[in-house]
Amino acid sequence: MTTSDGHPAEDYLKPKLEALIEGAVSTGFSRDVTVAVLIDLLDDSVALDVETR
């Protein structure tokens, strides 16, 4: 997926996600737990979005 000016969404999101994960790790959460929680949050959001359509 790209923006209207041709930039991939990954270029925008990846640095933000990496910073979020690193912040959680520096707070004491393991990388694996942090990534698992992010995946779970995304899965719930997608399911809720589909249910409301």
N, C-alpha and C. Protein backbone atom coordinates (compact mmCIF):
# COMPACT_ATOMS: atom_id res chain seq x y z
N MET A 1 0.85 -1.17 0.00
CA MET A 1 0.00 0.00 0.00
C MET A 1 0.90 1.23 0.00
N THR A 2 0.53 2.21 -0.80
CA THR A 2 1.33 3.43 -0.88
C THR A 2 0.44 4.65 -0.66
N THR A 3 1.10 5.74 -0.33
CA THR A 3 0.38 7.01 -0.17
C THR A 3 0.15 7.61 -1.55
N SER A 4 -0.57 8.71 -1.58
CA SER A 4 -0.85 9.35 -2.86
C SER A 4 0.41 9.85 -3.55
N ASP A 5 1.48 10.08 -2.76
CA ASP A 5 2.72 10.53 -3.38
C ASP A 5 3.70 9.38 -3.64
N GLY A 6 3.21 8.12 -3.54
CA GLY A 6 4.00 6.97 -3.93
C GLY A 6 4.87 6.35 -2.85
N HIS A 7 4.77 6.81 -1.61
CA HIS A 7 5.59 6.24 -0.55
C HIS A 7 4.87 5.07 0.11
N PRO A 8 5.58 3.94 0.27
CA PRO A 8 4.95 2.78 0.91
C PRO A 8 4.60 3.08 2.37
N ALA A 9 3.50 2.50 2.80
CA ALA A 9 3.07 2.66 4.20
C ALA A 9 4.14 2.13 5.14
N GLU A 10 4.87 1.10 4.71
CA GLU A 10 5.93 0.53 5.56
C GLU A 10 6.98 1.57 5.90
N ASP A 11 7.33 2.42 4.94
CA ASP A 11 8.33 3.46 5.21
C ASP A 11 7.88 4.40 6.32
N TYR A 12 6.60 4.63 6.41
CA TYR A 12 6.05 5.52 7.43
C TYR A 12 5.89 4.80 8.77
N LEU A 13 5.36 3.58 8.72
CA LEU A 13 5.01 2.88 9.95
C LEU A 13 6.17 2.16 10.64
N LYS A 14 7.09 1.61 9.87
CA LYS A 14 8.16 0.80 10.47
C LYS A 14 8.97 1.55 11.52
N PRO A 15 9.44 2.77 11.27
CA PRO A 15 10.21 3.47 12.30
C PRO A 15 9.39 3.76 13.56
N LYS A 16 8.11 4.02 13.39
CA LYS A 16 7.24 4.30 14.54
C LYS A 16 7.02 3.04 15.37
N LEU A 17 6.81 1.91 14.69
CA LEU A 17 6.64 0.65 15.41
C LEU A 17 7.93 0.24 16.11
N GLU A 18 9.06 0.42 15.44
CA GLU A 18 10.34 0.09 16.07
C GLU A 18 10.57 0.94 17.31
N ALA A 19 10.23 2.22 17.24
CA ALA A 19 10.38 3.10 18.41
C ALA A 19 9.44 2.67 19.54
N LEU A 20 8.23 2.30 19.20
CA LEU A 20 7.27 1.83 20.19
C LEU A 20 7.77 0.57 20.88
N ILE A 21 8.27 -0.37 20.10
CA ILE A 21 8.80 -1.62 20.65
C ILE A 21 10.01 -1.34 21.53
N GLU A 22 10.92 -0.52 21.06
CA GLU A 22 12.11 -0.20 21.85
C GLU A 22 11.74 0.51 23.15
N GLY A 23 10.73 1.37 23.11
CA GLY A 23 10.27 2.03 24.33
C GLY A 23 9.73 1.03 25.34
N ALA A 24 8.96 0.07 24.85
CA ALA A 24 8.42 -0.96 25.74
C ALA A 24 9.53 -1.82 26.32
N VAL A 25 10.52 -2.17 25.49
CA VAL A 25 11.65 -2.97 25.96
C VAL A 25 12.44 -2.21 27.02
N SER A 26 12.66 -0.93 26.80
CA SER A 26 13.42 -0.14 27.77
C SER A 26 12.66 0.04 29.08
N THR A 27 11.33 -0.14 29.03
CA THR A 27 10.52 -0.06 30.23
C THR A 27 10.52 -1.38 31.00
N GLY A 28 10.94 -2.45 30.33
CA GLY A 28 11.03 -3.74 31.02
C GLY A 28 10.25 -4.87 30.39
N PHE A 29 9.47 -4.57 29.35
CA PHE A 29 8.74 -5.62 28.67
C PHE A 29 9.66 -6.33 27.68
N SER A 30 9.47 -7.62 27.50
CA SER A 30 10.29 -8.32 26.52
C SER A 30 9.81 -7.98 25.11
N ARG A 31 10.71 -8.09 24.16
CA ARG A 31 10.38 -7.80 22.76
C ARG A 31 9.25 -8.72 22.30
N ASP A 32 9.36 -10.02 22.64
CA ASP A 32 8.35 -10.99 22.21
C ASP A 32 6.97 -10.64 22.74
N VAL A 33 6.90 -10.27 24.01
CA VAL A 33 5.61 -9.91 24.61
C VAL A 33 5.06 -8.67 23.94
N THR A 34 5.89 -7.69 23.71
CA THR A 34 5.46 -6.45 23.09
C THR A 34 4.89 -6.69 21.70
N VAL A 35 5.60 -7.46 20.90
CA VAL A 35 5.13 -7.75 19.54
C VAL A 35 3.83 -8.56 19.59
N ALA A 36 3.75 -9.51 20.51
CA ALA A 36 2.53 -10.31 20.64
C ALA A 36 1.33 -9.43 21.00
N VAL A 37 1.53 -8.49 21.90
CA VAL A 37 0.43 -7.60 22.30
C VAL A 37 0.02 -6.71 21.12
N LEU A 38 0.98 -6.20 20.38
CA LEU A 38 0.65 -5.37 19.21
C LEU A 38 -0.14 -6.18 18.18
N ILE A 39 0.26 -7.40 17.94
CA ILE A 39 -0.47 -8.25 17.00
C ILE A 39 -1.89 -8.49 17.51
N ASP A 40 -2.01 -8.78 18.79
CA ASP A 40 -3.33 -9.01 19.38
C ASP A 40 -4.21 -7.77 19.25
N LEU A 41 -3.65 -6.62 19.51
CA LEU A 41 -4.42 -5.38 19.38
C LEU A 41 -4.89 -5.17 17.94
N LEU A 42 -4.02 -5.44 17.00
CA LEU A 42 -4.39 -5.28 15.60
C LEU A 42 -5.45 -6.29 15.19
N ASP A 43 -5.31 -7.52 15.64
CA ASP A 43 -6.31 -8.55 15.33
C ASP A 43 -7.67 -8.17 15.88
N ASP A 44 -7.73 -7.67 17.10
CA ASP A 44 -9.01 -7.27 17.69
C ASP A 44 -9.61 -6.10 16.94
N SER A 45 -8.80 -5.15 16.55
CA SER A 45 -9.30 -3.97 15.84
C SER A 45 -9.89 -4.36 14.50
N VAL A 46 -9.22 -5.25 13.80
CA VAL A 46 -9.71 -5.68 12.49
C VAL A 46 -11.03 -6.42 12.66
N ALA A 47 -11.11 -7.30 13.64
CA ALA A 47 -12.35 -8.07 13.87
C ALA A 47 -13.50 -7.13 14.23
N LEU A 48 -13.23 -6.17 15.06
CA LEU A 48 -14.28 -5.23 15.44
C LEU A 48 -14.72 -4.39 14.26
N ASP A 49 -13.78 -4.00 13.41
CA ASP A 49 -14.10 -3.20 12.24
C ASP A 49 -14.99 -3.99 11.30
N VAL A 50 -14.68 -5.24 11.08
CA VAL A 50 -15.47 -6.08 10.17
C VAL A 50 -16.87 -6.30 10.73
N GLU A 51 -16.97 -6.48 12.04
CA GLU A 51 -18.27 -6.73 12.66
C GLU A 51 -19.20 -5.53 12.55
N THR A 52 -18.65 -4.33 12.47
CA THR A 52 -19.49 -3.13 12.43
C THR A 52 -19.98 -2.80 11.03
N ARG A 53 -19.46 -3.47 10.02
CA ARG A 53 -19.87 -3.18 8.63
C ARG A 53 -21.16 -3.85 8.28
